[in-house]
């Protein structure tokens, strides 16, 4: 699976510069899904994997009482 930020890179910098907080973006696709091409597509299985990764990421951010660390 390939990780990328797409066109959000500039906006991500603004979060730090203006709000003083870091922002994270996770993108999910496989190399053959032809990122931003005319025949781009996205597998449902990639969507499911992305959902699981987001859930695991948020769980790692939380402490044992469910609050953000």
Protein backbone atom coordinates (compact mmCIF):
# COMPACT_ATOMS: atom_id res chain seq x y z
CA UNK A 1 0.00 0.00 0.00
CA UNK A 2 1.31 3.45 -0.90
CA UNK A 3 0.99 6.40 1.47
CA UNK A 4 0.56 9.87 0.05
CA UNK A 5 -0.86 13.25 0.90
CA UNK A 6 -2.21 14.35 -2.47
CA UNK A 7 -2.95 18.07 -2.81
CA UNK A 8 -3.32 18.63 0.90
CA UNK A 9 0.37 19.31 1.56
CA UNK A 10 0.01 23.10 1.56
CA UNK A 11 -3.04 23.01 3.81
CA UNK A 12 -1.21 20.77 6.25
CA UNK A 13 1.49 23.42 6.70
CA UNK A 14 -1.18 26.03 7.45
CA UNK A 15 -2.41 24.04 10.44
CA UNK A 16 1.02 24.38 12.05
CA UNK A 17 1.66 27.98 10.98
CA UNK A 18 -1.78 29.41 11.82
CA UNK A 19 -3.17 27.13 14.52
CA UNK A 20 0.11 25.94 16.03
CA UNK A 21 -0.88 22.29 15.79
CA UNK A 22 0.41 19.43 13.70
CA UNK A 23 -1.95 17.77 11.22
CA UNK A 24 -1.61 14.30 9.73
CA UNK A 25 -3.03 12.97 6.51
CA UNK A 26 -3.14 9.33 5.50
CA UNK A 27 -3.97 8.34 1.95
CA UNK A 28 -4.38 4.80 0.70
CA UNK A 29 -4.04 3.29 -2.74
CA UNK A 30 -2.19 0.54 -4.53
CA UNK A 31 0.29 1.36 -7.33
CA UNK A 32 -1.95 -0.04 -10.08
CA UNK A 33 -4.89 2.19 -9.08
CA UNK A 34 -3.35 4.95 -11.23
CA UNK A 35 -3.38 7.86 -8.77
CA UNK A 36 -4.98 10.99 -10.37
CA UNK A 37 -5.01 9.44 -13.85
CA UNK A 38 -8.00 9.54 -16.17
CA UNK A 39 -8.60 5.86 -15.39
CA UNK A 40 -8.00 6.14 -11.64
CA UNK A 41 -9.97 3.76 -9.41
CA UNK A 42 -10.00 2.66 -5.78
CA UNK A 43 -10.66 -0.85 -4.50
CA UNK A 44 -13.23 -1.42 -1.78
CA UNK A 45 -10.65 -3.64 -0.06
CA UNK A 46 -8.26 -0.66 0.06
CA UNK A 47 -11.01 1.39 1.70
CA UNK A 48 -11.46 -1.27 4.38
CA UNK A 49 -7.72 -1.42 5.04
CA UNK A 50 -7.66 2.37 5.32
CA UNK A 51 -10.51 2.30 7.85
CA UNK A 52 -8.62 -0.21 9.98
CA UNK A 53 -5.43 1.83 9.84
CA UNK A 54 -7.30 4.99 10.95
CA UNK A 55 -8.91 3.09 13.83
CA UNK A 56 -5.55 1.69 14.95
CA UNK A 57 -3.95 5.14 14.64
CA UNK A 58 -6.63 6.78 16.81
CA UNK A 59 -6.40 3.98 19.35
CA UNK A 60 -2.65 4.53 19.62
CA UNK A 61 -3.24 8.25 20.26
CA UNK A 62 -5.62 7.59 23.16
CA UNK A 63 -4.64 6.68 26.70
CA UNK A 64 -6.20 3.79 28.62
CA UNK A 65 -9.20 5.99 29.58
CA UNK A 66 -9.98 6.93 25.97
CA UNK A 67 -8.57 10.46 26.18
CA UNK A 68 -6.01 11.83 23.77
CA UNK A 69 -2.48 11.64 25.15
